[in-house]
């Protein structure tokens, strides 16, 4: 099983610089992940940036090398110009398929702003 530090390094290596948003692994126990994302000074959260946080959060739980097959995103409220906390977990693994969900919060884990569910498939060898 990967440690928090190993997941942090893997995310830093995997993500494009524009998608990192100073991601910080706060907690990781193998399937449940808590990430914190921060804005650069003067930036605001855009829809595209929030979708990249959703993708990163789901992959952190299911596996960075997974291939996305289904994604459903529900926006519950607008993002504040504050850190985003993401809680994600694997709901079920079924052979080569992983089903995951993520909740994104503005600043504190109180009222969620986004809920997402996804299915991933393991990459085909070769």
Protein backbone atom coordinates (compact mmCIF):
# COMPACT_ATOMS: atom_id res chain seq x y z
CA UNK A 1 0.00 0.00 0.00
CA UNK A 2 1.16 3.50 -0.85
CA UNK A 3 1.91 6.06 1.88
CA UNK A 4 0.73 9.69 1.94
CA UNK A 5 4.23 10.81 0.91
CA UNK A 6 4.32 8.34 -2.00
CA UNK A 7 0.89 9.48 -3.21
CA UNK A 8 2.06 13.11 -2.95
CA UNK A 9 5.11 12.34 -5.12
CA UNK A 10 2.99 10.36 -7.59
CA UNK A 11 0.52 13.26 -7.96
CA UNK A 12 3.36 15.75 -8.40
CA UNK A 13 4.84 13.57 -11.16
CA UNK A 14 1.50 12.69 -12.80
CA UNK A 15 -0.21 16.09 -12.93
CA UNK A 16 0.56 18.83 -15.43
CA UNK A 17 1.74 22.00 -13.70
CA UNK A 18 -1.52 23.76 -14.64
CA UNK A 19 -3.57 21.05 -12.87
CA UNK A 20 -1.60 20.82 -9.60
CA UNK A 21 -3.14 23.79 -7.75
CA UNK A 22 -0.63 23.14 -4.93
CA UNK A 23 -2.28 19.77 -4.25
CA UNK A 24 -1.46 18.47 -0.79
CA UNK A 25 -2.29 14.96 0.44
CA UNK A 26 -3.76 15.48 3.91
CA UNK A 27 -4.85 11.88 4.53
CA UNK A 28 -4.60 8.57 2.66
CA UNK A 29 -5.38 5.08 3.87
CA UNK A 30 -5.36 3.11 0.62
CA UNK A 31 -8.89 3.83 -0.59
CA UNK A 32 -10.03 6.98 1.23
CA UNK A 33 -8.20 10.17 0.26
CA UNK A 34 -8.32 13.74 1.53
CA UNK A 35 -6.64 16.32 -0.72
CA UNK A 36 -6.32 20.10 -0.38
CA UNK A 37 -6.00 22.35 -3.43
CA UNK A 38 -5.03 26.03 -3.26
CA UNK A 39 -5.39 28.99 -5.59
CA UNK A 40 -2.45 31.11 -6.65
CA UNK A 41 -2.78 34.73 -5.52
CA UNK A 42 -5.29 36.59 -7.71
CA UNK A 43 -6.79 33.41 -9.23
CA UNK A 44 -10.39 32.22 -9.07
CA UNK A 45 -11.79 28.71 -9.47
CA UNK A 46 -13.08 28.14 -13.01
CA UNK A 47 -15.27 25.25 -14.13
CA UNK A 48 -12.31 23.74 -15.97
CA UNK A 49 -10.09 23.97 -12.89
CA UNK A 50 -12.78 22.40 -10.69
CA UNK A 51 -13.21 19.53 -13.16
CA UNK A 52 -9.47 18.90 -13.01
CA UNK A 53 -9.74 18.74 -9.20
CA UNK A 54 -12.58 16.22 -9.56
CA UNK A 55 -10.46 14.09 -11.91
CA UNK A 56 -7.40 14.28 -9.66
CA UNK A 57 -9.43 13.39 -6.56
CA UNK A 58 -11.09 10.39 -8.17
CA UNK A 59 -7.81 9.10 -9.62
CA UNK A 60 -6.04 9.52 -6.28
CA UNK A 61 -8.53 7.04 -4.81
CA UNK A 62 -8.92 4.63 -7.74
CA UNK A 63 -5.41 4.74 -9.20
CA UNK A 64 -3.56 7.30 -11.28
CA UNK A 65 -3.04 4.89 -14.18
CA UNK A 66 -6.75 4.05 -14.55
CA UNK A 67 -8.72 4.84 -17.72
CA UNK A 68 -11.87 6.88 -17.12
CA UNK A 69 -14.99 5.27 -18.61
CA UNK A 70 -17.87 7.12 -16.89
CA UNK A 71 -18.12 10.41 -15.01
CA UNK A 72 -21.12 12.13 -13.42
CA UNK A 73 -20.68 15.53 -11.78
CA UNK A 74 -23.29 17.46 -9.80
CA UNK A 75 -22.57 21.07 -8.87
CA UNK A 76 -24.34 21.82 -5.60
CA UNK A 77 -23.12 25.39 -4.99
CA UNK A 78 -20.54 27.81 -6.43
CA UNK A 79 -16.92 27.62 -5.33
CA UNK A 80 -15.54 30.27 -3.01
CA UNK A 81 -12.15 31.82 -3.63
CA UNK A 82 -10.61 29.59 -0.96
CA UNK A 83 -8.86 26.26 -0.67
CA UNK A 84 -10.80 23.26 -1.95
CA UNK A 85 -10.86 20.12 0.15
CA UNK A 86 -11.64 16.89 -1.69
CA UNK A 87 -12.74 13.66 -0.03
CA UNK A 88 -12.68 10.69 -2.37
CA UNK A 89 -12.95 6.95 -2.02
CA UNK A 90 -13.38 3.76 -3.96
CA UNK A 91 -16.98 2.59 -3.66
CA UNK A 92 -16.39 -0.82 -5.24
CA UNK A 93 -13.82 -2.76 -7.21
CA UNK A 94 -15.08 -5.36 -9.64
CA UNK A 95 -12.19 -7.07 -11.37
CA UNK A 96 -10.50 -4.50 -13.61
CA UNK A 97 -13.18 -1.85 -12.90
CA UNK A 98 -13.13 0.62 -10.00
CA UNK A 99 -16.09 2.78 -9.04
CA UNK A 100 -15.25 5.91 -7.05
CA UNK A 101 -16.84 9.05 -5.67
CA UNK A 102 -15.57 12.46 -4.62
CA UNK A 103 -17.00 15.32 -2.60
CA UNK A 104 -15.45 18.78 -3.01
CA UNK A 105 -15.82 21.49 -0.39
CA UNK A 106 -14.87 25.18 -0.30
CA UNK A 107 -12.52 25.94 2.60
CA UNK A 108 -14.03 23.55 5.20
CA UNK A 109 -15.75 20.17 5.16
CA UNK A 110 -19.22 21.52 5.92
CA UNK A 111 -21.42 22.01 2.84
CA UNK A 112 -20.25 20.23 -0.31
CA UNK A 113 -20.06 22.19 -3.54
CA UNK A 114 -19.53 19.25 -5.95
CA UNK A 115 -20.31 15.55 -5.89
CA UNK A 116 -18.88 13.25 -8.56
CA UNK A 117 -19.03 9.54 -9.30
CA UNK A 118 -16.92 7.67 -11.80
CA UNK A 119 -15.97 4.32 -13.20
CA UNK A 120 -12.41 3.48 -14.20
CA UNK A 121 -10.94 0.51 -16.02
CA UNK A 122 -7.43 -0.80 -15.63
CA UNK A 123 -5.29 0.04 -18.64
CA UNK A 124 -4.86 -2.74 -21.16
CA UNK A 125 -1.41 -4.25 -21.22
CA UNK A 126 0.76 -3.51 -24.19
